[in-house]
Amino acid sequence: MQSLGILRITLVLAAFTAGMQAQWVDHPTPGTPRTKDGKADLSAPAPKTGDGKPDLSGLWQAEHATIPELRRLLEGGVNGLGEDLPSKYFIDILADFKPEDSPALPATAEALRKNMNAMGGSPITKCLPAGVPWVDAFPSPFKMIQTPGMIAILYEADNSFRQIFLDGRKLPEDPVPSWAGYSTGRWDRDSLVVESNGFNDRGWLDAMGHIHSDAMRVTERFHRLDFGHMEVEVTVNDPKAYSKPFTVKINENLLPDTNILEYICLENEHDVPHLK
C-alpha cells in the first residue's frame, strides 16, 4: 500500500472514532442474563421474541481485527487508528482475496488506486454517510430495535438510521438512489435475511476506497449465535463494478448496559479544508 493511502486511512479512522463513547455506562439493561457476580452473561442463549422469532435487539459493534491482521493491511504500523480498533473489512472489504484474485473490474481497480492516493476522498471524511454494507464493519456502535413488522437500526455514526421492513413488501423496482438503500427482510429459521437495493454510486465499501455502482445489491444474513455474539454474512452483488458476487462474515459483539451517544460530524469540523 502506498504511503499516501496509509495516511488517508489513518485520518479516516482517527477522525471517525475521536470522542465516540457510549453513555449511561453501567446502567443495567432489562432482560440481560447475569452471572453470579452481576456481569452480563454474554454466552447465555440467544433471546426470542414473543412470537418465537430470534430477537436481534441490542447495542452491537463489529469485532476488531487482530494486531497482526492490521499490520498486514496497514504497512507501516497501526498508530492513529483511534480509540477502537477496526474490523479488517472496515479497512479492506476484499481483505481475504489475494491481489490476483480480486473480483474488482479494471475500472473499479483504477478508482481504488485513485482513492488510495486522494487525501480526504472518503465520504466519511466529508461528513457524508458510510452507507451499506460498510457501516456493518464500523468501529462504532449501532442499536437494533426489533418489532414484528420492522427492524430499525440506529447508528452512532452521524446519527444515521436504517429501516428493514418485515411486512412482506417487495423492494422498489425504480427507487430513488440513496446512501442506505431500501431493505426488506425475511426469516430463514434462526437467521434474518435482508435484501437491499436502490443505492447511489457515491459510497465506498471500505476505508481503502473500493467503490460500488448504483446496480449494487446487498444480501445480509443476521444470525445471533448467543446472547452476546452475532454473525453478519454480507454478500455484495454489483455486476457494474465486480466480476462476481463476494461474501464476507463480520462478527458483532453486544455492548451490554450502555447506549449510543449523539455524534455530529460537522460540529467543530476543521479537517476537510486541510485535506484538499
C-alpha atoms as a PDB file:
ATOM      1  CA  MET A   1       0.000   0.000   0.000  1.00  0.00           C
ATOM      2  CA  GLN A   2       1.327   3.408  -0.860  1.00  0.00           C
ATOM      3  CA  SER A   3       2.192   5.842   1.922  1.00  0.00           C
ATOM      4  CA  LEU A   4      -0.479   8.385   0.995  1.00  0.00           C
ATOM      5  CA  GLY A   5      -3.076   5.632   1.121  1.00  0.00           C
ATOM      6  CA  ILE A   6      -1.936   4.659   4.626  1.00  0.00           C
ATOM      7  CA  LEU A   7      -2.093   8.270   5.789  1.00  0.00           C
ATOM      8  CA  ARG A   8      -5.554   8.772   4.320  1.00  0.00           C
ATOM      9  CA  ILE A   9      -6.924   5.644   6.043  1.00  0.00           C
ATOM     10  CA  THR A  10      -5.337   6.735   9.320  1.00  0.00           C
ATOM     11  CA  LEU A  11      -7.003  10.131   9.033  1.00  0.00           C
ATOM     12  CA  VAL A  12     -10.358   8.499   8.317  1.00  0.00           C
ATOM     13  CA  LEU A  13     -10.121   6.280  11.383  1.00  0.00           C
ATOM     14  CA  ALA A  14      -8.763   8.931  13.727  1.00  0.00           C
ATOM     15  CA  ALA A  15     -11.393  11.469  12.713  1.00  0.00           C
ATOM     16  CA  PHE A  16     -14.214   8.975  12.901  1.00  0.00           C
ATOM     17  CA  THR A  17     -13.505   7.419  16.289  1.00  0.00           C
ATOM     18  CA  ALA A  18     -12.444  10.548  18.179  1.00  0.00           C
ATOM     19  CA  GLY A  19     -14.773  11.212  21.077  1.00  0.00           C
ATOM     20  CA  MET A  20     -17.196   8.417  20.226  1.00  0.00           C
ATOM     21  CA  GLN A  21     -18.002   6.897  23.600  1.00  0.00           C
ATOM     22  CA  ALA A  22     -21.203   5.287  24.765  1.00  0.00           C
ATOM     23  CA  GLN A  23     -23.214   6.842  27.582  1.00  0.00           C
ATOM     24  CA  TRP A  24     -25.144   5.691  30.670  1.00  0.00           C
ATOM     25  CA  VAL A  25     -22.241   3.371  31.400  1.00  0.00           C
ATOM     26  CA  ASP A  26     -23.150   0.503  33.748  1.00  0.00           C
ATOM     27  CA  HIS A  27     -26.883   1.252  33.645  1.00  0.00           C
ATOM     28  CA  PRO A  28     -28.339  -2.287  33.709  1.00  0.00           C
ATOM     29  CA  THR A  29     -30.254  -3.270  30.580  1.00  0.00           C
ATOM     30  CA  PRO A  30     -33.546  -5.014  31.473  1.00  0.00           C
ATOM     31  CA  GLY A  31     -33.734  -8.663  30.470  1.00  0.00           C
ATOM     32  CA  THR A  32     -29.968  -9.200  30.431  1.00  0.00           C
ATOM     33  CA  PRO A  33     -28.912 -12.572  31.880  1.00  0.00           C
ATOM     34  CA  ARG A  34     -26.333 -12.231  34.654  1.00  0.00           C
ATOM     35  CA  THR A  35     -23.500 -14.265  36.087  1.00  0.00           C
ATOM     36  CA  LYS A  36     -23.163 -14.663  39.860  1.00  0.00           C
ATOM     37  CA  ASP A  37     -21.003 -11.541  40.060  1.00  0.00           C
ATOM     38  CA  GLY A  38     -23.691  -9.462  38.316  1.00  0.00           C
ATOM     39  CA  LYS A  39     -21.962  -9.123  34.938  1.00  0.00           C
ATOM     40  CA  ALA A  40     -23.828  -9.672  31.680  1.00  0.00           C
ATOM     41  CA  ASP A  41     -23.691 -13.337  30.665  1.00  0.00           C
ATOM     42  CA  LEU A  42     -22.733 -12.958  27.012  1.00  0.00           C
ATOM     43  CA  SER A  43     -22.629 -16.716  26.479  1.00  0.00           C
ATOM     44  CA  ALA A  44     -26.252 -17.236  27.566  1.00  0.00           C
ATOM     45  CA  PRO A  45     -28.728 -18.477  24.932  1.00  0.00           C
ATOM     46  CA  ALA A  46     -29.904 -16.024  22.289  1.00  0.00           C
ATOM     47  CA  PRO A  47     -33.245 -14.447  23.257  1.00  0.00           C
ATOM     48  CA  LYS A  48     -36.545 -14.912  21.421  1.00  0.00           C
ATOM     49  CA  THR A  49     -39.412 -12.518  20.813  1.00  0.00           C
ATOM     50  CA  GLY A  50     -42.959 -13.217  21.937  1.00  0.00           C
ATOM     51  CA  ASP A  51     -43.769 -14.838  18.585  1.00  0.00           C
ATOM     52  CA  GLY A  52     -40.751 -17.158  18.787  1.00  0.00           C
ATOM     53  CA  LYS A  53     -38.504 -15.288  16.354  1.00  0.00           C
ATOM     54  CA  PRO A  54     -34.853 -14.601  17.209  1.00  0.00           C
ATOM     55  CA  ASP A  55     -34.546 -11.242  18.958  1.00  0.00           C
ATOM     56  CA  LEU A  56     -31.714  -9.200  17.442  1.00  0.00           C
ATOM     57  CA  SER A  57     -32.338  -6.186  19.669  1.00  0.00           C
ATOM     58  CA  GLY A  58     -29.362  -4.678  21.445  1.00  0.00           C
ATOM     59  CA  LEU A  59     -26.306  -2.492  21.070  1.00  0.00           C
ATOM     60  CA  TRP A  60     -23.721  -4.046  18.763  1.00  0.00           C
ATOM     61  CA  GLN A  61     -20.253  -3.268  17.451  1.00  0.00           C
ATOM     62  CA  ALA A  62     -18.066  -5.026  14.917  1.00  0.00           C
ATOM     63  CA  GLU A  63     -15.303  -7.184  16.360  1.00  0.00           C
ATOM     64  CA  HIS A  64     -11.912  -5.657  15.681  1.00  0.00           C
ATOM     65  CA  ALA A  65      -9.138  -7.325  13.760  1.00  0.00           C
ATOM     66  CA  THR A  66      -6.043  -8.672  15.467  1.00  0.00           C
ATOM     67  CA  ILE A  67      -2.902  -6.557  15.550  1.00  0.00           C
ATOM     68  CA  PRO A  68      -1.119  -8.894  13.075  1.00  0.00           C
ATOM     69  CA  GLU A  69      -4.071  -8.534  10.659  1.00  0.00           C
ATOM     70  CA  LEU A  70      -3.972  -4.760  10.967  1.00  0.00           C
ATOM     71  CA  ARG A  71      -0.216  -4.698  10.414  1.00  0.00           C
ATOM     72  CA  ARG A  72      -0.700  -6.737   7.247  1.00  0.00           C
ATOM     73  CA  LEU A  73      -3.338  -4.352   5.952  1.00  0.00           C
ATOM     74  CA  LEU A  74      -1.644  -1.128   7.085  1.00  0.00           C
ATOM     75  CA  GLU A  75       2.017  -1.331   6.206  1.00  0.00           C
ATOM     76  CA  GLY A  76       3.945   0.997   8.437  1.00  0.00           C
ATOM     77  CA  GLY A  77       2.080   0.369  11.687  1.00  0.00           C
ATOM     78  CA  VAL A  78      -1.283   0.822  13.359  1.00  0.00           C
ATOM     79  CA  ASN A  79      -0.743   4.079  15.255  1.00  0.00           C
ATOM     80  CA  GLY A  80      -3.507   6.641  14.869  1.00  0.00           C
ATOM     81  CA  LEU A  81      -6.313   4.130  14.445  1.00  0.00           C
ATOM     82  CA  GLY A  82      -8.431   5.829  17.077  1.00  0.00           C
ATOM     83  CA  GLU A  83      -9.829   4.586  20.356  1.00  0.00           C
ATOM     84  CA  ASP A  84     -11.456   1.443  18.933  1.00  0.00           C
ATOM     85  CA  LEU A  85      -9.533  -0.837  16.604  1.00  0.00           C
ATOM     86  CA  PRO A  86     -11.493  -1.626  13.401  1.00  0.00           C
ATOM     87  CA  SER A  87     -12.563  -4.790  11.658  1.00  0.00           C
ATOM     88  CA  LYS A  88     -10.335  -5.784   8.775  1.00  0.00           C
ATOM     89  CA  TYR A  89     -13.344  -5.393   6.492  1.00  0.00           C
ATOM     90  CA  PHE A  90     -13.722  -1.775   7.596  1.00  0.00           C
ATOM     91  CA  ILE A  91     -10.286  -1.185   6.085  1.00  0.00           C
ATOM     92  CA  ASP A  92     -10.495  -3.551   3.095  1.00  0.00           C
ATOM     93  CA  ILE A  93     -13.670  -5.436   2.214  1.00  0.00           C
ATOM     94  CA  LEU A  94     -11.557  -7.670  -0.058  1.00  0.00           C
ATOM     95  CA  ALA A  95      -9.019  -8.422   2.681  1.00  0.00           C
ATOM     96  CA  ASP A  96      -9.487 -12.178   2.193  1.00  0.00           C
ATOM     97  CA  PHE A  97      -8.566 -12.045  -1.502  1.00  0.00           C
ATOM     98  CA  LYS A  98      -5.092 -12.251  -2.960  1.00  0.00           C
ATOM     99  CA  PRO A  99      -4.464  -9.282  -5.284  1.00  0.00           C
ATOM    100  CA  GLU A 100      -4.509 -11.533  -8.336  1.00  0.00           C
ATOM    101  CA  ASP A 101      -7.868 -12.992  -7.288  1.00  0.00           C
ATOM    102  CA  SER A 102      -9.654  -9.696  -6.688  1.00  0.00           C
ATOM    103  CA  PRO A 103     -13.105  -9.558  -8.353  1.00  0.00           C
ATOM    104  CA  ALA A 104     -12.735  -5.811  -8.985  1.00  0.00           C
ATOM    105  CA  LEU A 105     -13.233  -4.918 -12.631  1.00  0.00           C
ATOM    106  CA  PRO A 106     -10.487  -2.788 -14.293  1.00  0.00           C
ATOM    107  CA  ALA A 107     -12.393   0.499 -13.860  1.00  0.00           C
ATOM    108  CA  THR A 108     -13.031  -0.343 -10.200  1.00  0.00           C
ATOM    109  CA  ALA A 109      -9.348  -1.160  -9.644  1.00  0.00           C
ATOM    110  CA  GLU A 110      -8.369   2.162 -11.211  1.00  0.00           C
ATOM    111  CA  ALA A 111     -10.848   4.021  -8.992  1.00  0.00           C
ATOM    112  CA  LEU A 112      -9.332   2.256  -5.974  1.00  0.00           C
ATOM    113  CA  ARG A 113      -5.850   3.371  -6.990  1.00  0.00           C
ATOM    114  CA  LYS A 114      -7.002   6.982  -7.242  1.00  0.00           C
ATOM    115  CA  ASN A 115      -8.907   6.836  -3.969  1.00  0.00           C
ATOM    116  CA  MET A 116      -5.904   5.425  -2.111  1.00  0.00           C
ATOM    117  CA  ASN A 117      -3.890   8.473  -3.129  1.00  0.00           C
ATOM    118  CA  ALA A 118      -6.598  11.082  -2.638  1.00  0.00           C
ATOM    119  CA  MET A 119      -6.325  12.884   0.690  1.00  0.00           C
ATOM    120  CA  GLY A 120      -9.761  13.313   2.207  1.00  0.00           C
ATOM    121  CA  GLY A 121     -11.528  11.479  -0.600  1.00  0.00           C
ATOM    122  CA  SER A 122     -13.614   9.203   1.589  1.00  0.00           C
ATOM    123  CA  PRO A 123     -17.292  10.096   2.066  1.00  0.00           C
ATOM    124  CA  ILE A 124     -16.945   9.984   5.852  1.00  0.00           C
ATOM    125  CA  THR A 125     -14.062  12.487   5.867  1.00  0.00           C
ATOM    126  CA  LYS A 126     -16.579  14.848   4.257  1.00  0.00           C
ATOM    127  CA  CYS A 127     -19.201  14.037   6.909  1.00  0.00           C
ATOM    128  CA  LEU A 128     -21.275  12.046   4.417  1.00  0.00           C
ATOM    129  CA  PRO A 129     -22.877   8.704   5.377  1.00  0.00           C
ATOM    130  CA  ALA A 130     -20.936   5.482   5.096  1.00  0.00           C
ATOM    131  CA  GLY A 131     -23.798   3.528   3.587  1.00  0.00           C
ATOM    132  CA  VAL A 132     -24.458  -0.199   3.434  1.00  0.00           C
ATOM    133  CA  PRO A 133     -22.596  -2.533   3.828  1.00  0.00           C
ATOM    134  CA  TRP A 134     -19.560  -0.521   5.017  1.00  0.00           C
ATOM    135  CA  VAL A 135     -21.409   0.576   8.146  1.00  0.00           C
ATOM    136  CA  ASP A 136     -21.756  -3.090   9.255  1.00  0.00           C
ATOM    137  CA  ALA A 137     -17.996  -3.138   9.897  1.00  0.00           C
ATOM    138  CA  PHE A 138     -17.606   0.292  11.547  1.00  0.00           C
ATOM    139  CA  PRO A 139     -15.679   0.639  14.838  1.00  0.00           C
ATOM    140  CA  SER A 140     -18.679   2.341  16.452  1.00  0.00           C
ATOM    141  CA  PRO A 141     -21.914   1.044  17.987  1.00  0.00           C
ATOM    142  CA  PHE A 142     -25.279   0.541  16.354  1.00  0.00           C
ATOM    143  CA  LYS A 143     -28.559  -0.170  18.099  1.00  0.00           C
ATOM    144  CA  MET A 144     -31.106  -2.635  16.706  1.00  0.00           C
ATOM    145  CA  ILE A 145     -34.756  -2.146  17.718  1.00  0.00           C
ATOM    146  CA  GLN A 146     -36.973  -5.041  16.641  1.00  0.00           C
ATOM    147  CA  THR A 147     -40.733  -5.052  16.126  1.00  0.00           C
ATOM    148  CA  PRO A 148     -42.834  -7.675  14.297  1.00  0.00           C
ATOM    149  CA  GLY A 149     -43.083  -5.564  11.150  1.00  0.00           C
ATOM    150  CA  MET A 150     -39.790  -3.678  11.074  1.00  0.00           C
ATOM    151  CA  ILE A 151     -36.294  -3.522  12.498  1.00  0.00           C
ATOM    152  CA  ALA A 152     -34.810  -0.062  12.970  1.00  0.00           C
ATOM    153  CA  ILE A 153     -31.045   0.336  13.207  1.00  0.00           C
ATOM    154  CA  LEU A 154     -29.691   3.482  14.866  1.00  0.00           C
ATOM    155  CA  TYR A 155     -26.047   4.118  14.010  1.00  0.00           C
ATOM    156  CA  GLU A 156     -23.930   6.228  16.325  1.00  0.00           C
ATOM    157  CA  ALA A 157     -22.051   7.299  13.208  1.00  0.00           C
ATOM    158  CA  ASP A 158     -23.568  10.626  12.132  1.00  0.00           C
ATOM    159  CA  ASN A 159     -26.820   9.813  13.928  1.00  0.00           C
ATOM    160  CA  SER A 160     -27.871   7.880  10.822  1.00  0.00           C
ATOM    161  CA  PHE A 161     -30.577   5.232  10.708  1.00  0.00           C
ATOM    162  CA  ARG A 162     -31.924   2.397   8.621  1.00  0.00           C
ATOM    163  CA  GLN A 163     -35.277   0.604   8.313  1.00  0.00           C
ATOM    164  CA  ILE A 164     -35.610  -3.097   7.472  1.00  0.00           C
ATOM    165  CA  PHE A 165     -39.235  -3.923   6.668  1.00  0.00           C
ATOM    166  CA  LEU A 166     -40.541  -7.371   7.639  1.00  0.00           C
ATOM    167  CA  ASP A 167     -44.121  -6.893   6.433  1.00  0.00           C
ATOM    168  CA  GLY A 168     -43.780  -8.769   3.136  1.00  0.00           C
ATOM    169  CA  ARG A 169     -43.334  -5.761   0.865  1.00  0.00           C
ATOM    170  CA  LYS A 170     -41.135  -6.051  -2.234  1.00  0.00           C
ATOM    171  CA  LEU A 171     -38.045  -3.981  -2.947  1.00  0.00           C
ATOM    172  CA  PRO A 172     -38.810  -0.969  -5.165  1.00  0.00           C
ATOM    173  CA  GLU A 173     -38.258  -1.545  -8.882  1.00  0.00           C
ATOM    174  CA  ASP A 174     -37.262   2.039  -9.693  1.00  0.00           C
ATOM    175  CA  PRO A 175     -36.010   3.513  -6.397  1.00  0.00           C
ATOM    176  CA  VAL A 176     -34.655   6.992  -5.813  1.00  0.00           C
ATOM    177  CA  PRO A 177     -30.952   6.277  -5.114  1.00  0.00           C
ATOM    178  CA  SER A 178     -29.854   6.755  -1.504  1.00  0.00           C
ATOM    179  CA  TRP A 179     -26.897   6.043   0.786  1.00  0.00           C
ATOM    180  CA  ALA A 180     -28.592   3.344   2.872  1.00  0.00           C
ATOM    181  CA  GLY A 181     -30.738   1.926   0.084  1.00  0.00           C
ATOM    182  CA  TYR A 182     -34.045   0.148   0.675  1.00  0.00           C
ATOM    183  CA  SER A 183     -34.191  -3.011   2.764  1.00  0.00           C
ATOM    184  CA  THR A 184     -36.669  -5.847   3.259  1.00  0.00           C
ATOM    185  CA  GLY A 185     -36.186  -8.866   5.484  1.00  0.00           C
ATOM    186  CA  ARG A 186     -37.483 -12.394   5.969  1.00  0.00           C
ATOM    187  CA  TRP A 187     -36.735 -15.116   8.482  1.00  0.00           C
ATOM    188  CA  ASP A 188     -34.867 -18.235   7.421  1.00  0.00           C
ATOM    189  CA  ARG A 189     -35.084 -20.359  10.570  1.00  0.00           C
ATOM    190  CA  ASP A 190     -32.823 -18.528  13.060  1.00  0.00           C
ATOM    191  CA  SER A 191     -31.357 -16.053  10.563  1.00  0.00           C
ATOM    192  CA  LEU A 192     -32.743 -12.757   9.314  1.00  0.00           C
ATOM    193  CA  VAL A 193     -32.110 -12.448   5.577  1.00  0.00           C
ATOM    194  CA  VAL A 194     -32.065  -8.824   4.421  1.00  0.00           C
ATOM    195  CA  GLU A 195     -32.102  -7.795   0.743  1.00  0.00           C
ATOM    196  CA  SER A 196     -31.202  -4.210  -0.150  1.00  0.00           C
ATOM    197  CA  ASN A 197     -31.107  -2.202  -3.366  1.00  0.00           C
ATOM    198  CA  GLY A 198     -31.501   1.393  -4.512  1.00  0.00           C
ATOM    199  CA  PHE A 199     -28.038   2.644  -3.589  1.00  0.00           C
ATOM    200  CA  ASN A 200     -26.410   5.702  -5.080  1.00  0.00           C
ATOM    201  CA  ASP A 201     -22.939   5.382  -6.619  1.00  0.00           C
ATOM    202  CA  ARG A 202     -21.221   7.811  -4.234  1.00  0.00           C
ATOM    203  CA  GLY A 203     -20.473   5.431  -1.395  1.00  0.00           C
ATOM    204  CA  TRP A 204     -17.408   3.359  -0.647  1.00  0.00           C
ATOM    205  CA  LEU A 205     -17.259  -0.221   0.592  1.00  0.00           C
ATOM    206  CA  ASP A 206     -14.269   0.353   2.890  1.00  0.00           C
ATOM    207  CA  ALA A 207     -11.696   2.883   4.057  1.00  0.00           C
ATOM    208  CA  MET A 208      -9.272   1.820   1.347  1.00  0.00           C
ATOM    209  CA  GLY A 209     -11.605   3.126  -1.341  1.00  0.00           C
ATOM    210  CA  HIS A 210     -13.325   0.214  -3.077  1.00  0.00           C
ATOM    211  CA  ILE A 211     -16.307   1.738  -4.855  1.00  0.00           C
ATOM    212  CA  HIS A 212     -19.705   0.378  -5.834  1.00  0.00           C
ATOM    213  CA  SER A 213     -22.216   1.310  -8.509  1.00  0.00           C
ATOM    214  CA  ASP A 214     -25.928   2.089  -8.437  1.00  0.00           C
ATOM    215  CA  ALA A 215     -26.549  -1.504  -9.550  1.00  0.00           C
ATOM    216  CA  MET A 216     -25.249  -2.934  -6.272  1.00  0.00           C
ATOM    217  CA  ARG A 217     -27.480  -5.346  -4.408  1.00  0.00           C
ATOM    218  CA  VAL A 218     -26.569  -6.424  -0.890  1.00  0.00           C
ATOM    219  CA  THR A 219     -27.723  -9.534   0.973  1.00  0.00           C
ATOM    220  CA  GLU A 220     -27.119  -9.712   4.724  1.00  0.00           C
ATOM    221  CA  ARG A 221     -27.769 -12.692   6.978  1.00  0.00           C
ATOM    222  CA  PHE A 222     -28.016 -11.694  10.659  1.00  0.00           C
ATOM    223  CA  HIS A 223     -27.588 -14.686  12.970  1.00  0.00           C
ATOM    224  CA  ARG A 224     -27.440 -14.213  16.725  1.00  0.00           C
ATOM    225  CA  LEU A 225     -25.213 -17.013  17.967  1.00  0.00           C
ATOM    226  CA  ASP A 226     -25.886 -16.453  21.670  1.00  0.00           C
ATOM    227  CA  PHE A 227     -26.776 -13.524  23.899  1.00  0.00           C
ATOM    228  CA  GLY A 228     -23.578 -11.568  23.262  1.00  0.00           C
ATOM    229  CA  HIS A 229     -22.459 -12.542  19.759  1.00  0.00           C
ATOM    230  CA  MET A 230     -23.930 -12.132  16.284  1.00  0.00           C
ATOM    231  CA  GLU A 231     -22.620 -13.048  12.848  1.00  0.00           C
ATOM    232  CA  VAL A 232     -23.474 -10.916   9.829  1.00  0.00           C
ATOM    233  CA  GLU A 233     -22.791 -12.569   6.492  1.00  0.00           C
ATOM    234  CA  VAL A 234     -22.657  -9.906   3.767  1.00  0.00           C
ATOM    235  CA  THR A 235     -22.834 -10.664   0.051  1.00  0.00           C
ATOM    236  CA  VAL A 236     -22.194  -7.868  -2.448  1.00  0.00           C
ATOM    237  CA  ASN A 237     -23.503  -8.364  -5.973  1.00  0.00           C
ATOM    238  CA  ASP A 238     -22.540  -5.463  -8.243  1.00  0.00           C
ATOM    239  CA  PRO A 239     -22.056  -6.502 -11.891  1.00  0.00           C
ATOM    240  CA  LYS A 240     -21.025  -2.981 -12.931  1.00  0.00           C
ATOM    241  CA  ALA A 241     -18.073  -2.935 -10.533  1.00  0.00           C
ATOM    242  CA  TYR A 242     -17.140  -6.561  -9.745  1.00  0.00           C
ATOM    243  CA  SER A 243     -16.785  -9.658 -11.892  1.00  0.00           C
ATOM    244  CA  LYS A 244     -18.681 -11.844  -9.422  1.00  0.00           C
ATOM    245  CA  PRO A 245     -20.507 -11.585  -6.095  1.00  0.00           C
ATOM    246  CA  PHE A 246     -18.346 -11.873  -2.985  1.00  0.00           C
ATOM    247  CA  THR A 247     -19.132 -12.615   0.644  1.00  0.00           C
ATOM    248  CA  VAL A 248     -17.579 -11.615   3.976  1.00  0.00           C
ATOM    249  CA  LYS A 249     -18.561 -12.569   7.523  1.00  0.00           C
ATOM    250  CA  ILE A 250     -18.479  -9.827  10.156  1.00  0.00           C
ATOM    251  CA  ASN A 251     -18.606 -10.754  13.836  1.00  0.00           C
ATOM    252  CA  GLU A 252     -20.600  -8.363  16.022  1.00  0.00           C
ATOM    253  CA  ASN A 253     -20.282  -8.177  19.808  1.00  0.00           C
ATOM    254  CA  LEU A 254     -23.002  -6.992  22.186  1.00  0.00           C
ATOM    255  CA  LEU A 255     -22.232  -3.945  24.330  1.00  0.00           C
ATOM    256  CA  PRO A 256     -24.305  -4.504  27.496  1.00  0.00           C
ATOM    257  CA  ASP A 257     -25.553  -1.934  29.977  1.00  0.00           C
ATOM    258  CA  THR A 258     -24.821   1.161  27.897  1.00  0.00           C
ATOM    259  CA  ASN A 259     -26.237   3.152  24.997  1.00  0.00           C
ATOM    260  CA  ILE A 260     -25.293   5.110  21.895  1.00  0.00           C
ATOM    261  CA  LEU A 261     -24.122   8.689  22.061  1.00  0.00           C
ATOM    262  CA  GLU A 262     -25.016  11.599  19.799  1.00  0.00           C
ATOM    263  CA  TYR A 263     -22.310  12.212  17.216  1.00  0.00           C
ATOM    264  CA  ILE A 264     -22.429  15.142  14.784  1.00  0.00           C
ATOM    265  CA  CYS A 265     -19.576  15.013  12.285  1.00  0.00           C
ATOM    266  CA  LEU A 266     -19.902  18.625  11.141  1.00  0.00           C
ATOM    267  CA  GLU A 267     -19.817  20.052  14.651  1.00  0.00           C
ATOM    268  CA  ASN A 268     -16.489  21.875  15.041  1.00  0.00           C
ATOM    269  CA  GLU A 269     -15.157  20.100  11.938  1.00  0.00           C
ATOM    270  CA  HIS A 270     -11.810  21.516  10.744  1.00  0.00           C
ATOM    271  CA  ASP A 271     -10.135  18.623   8.899  1.00  0.00           C
ATOM    272  CA  VAL A 272     -11.569  18.818   5.375  1.00  0.00           C
ATOM    273  CA  PRO A 273     -10.037  22.198   4.397  1.00  0.00           C
ATOM    274  CA  HIS A 274      -6.595  20.798   5.234  1.00  0.00           C
ATOM    275  CA  LEU A 275      -7.137  17.618   3.196  1.00  0.00           C
ATOM    276  CA  LYS A 276      -7.767  19.341  -0.150  1.00  0.00           C
END
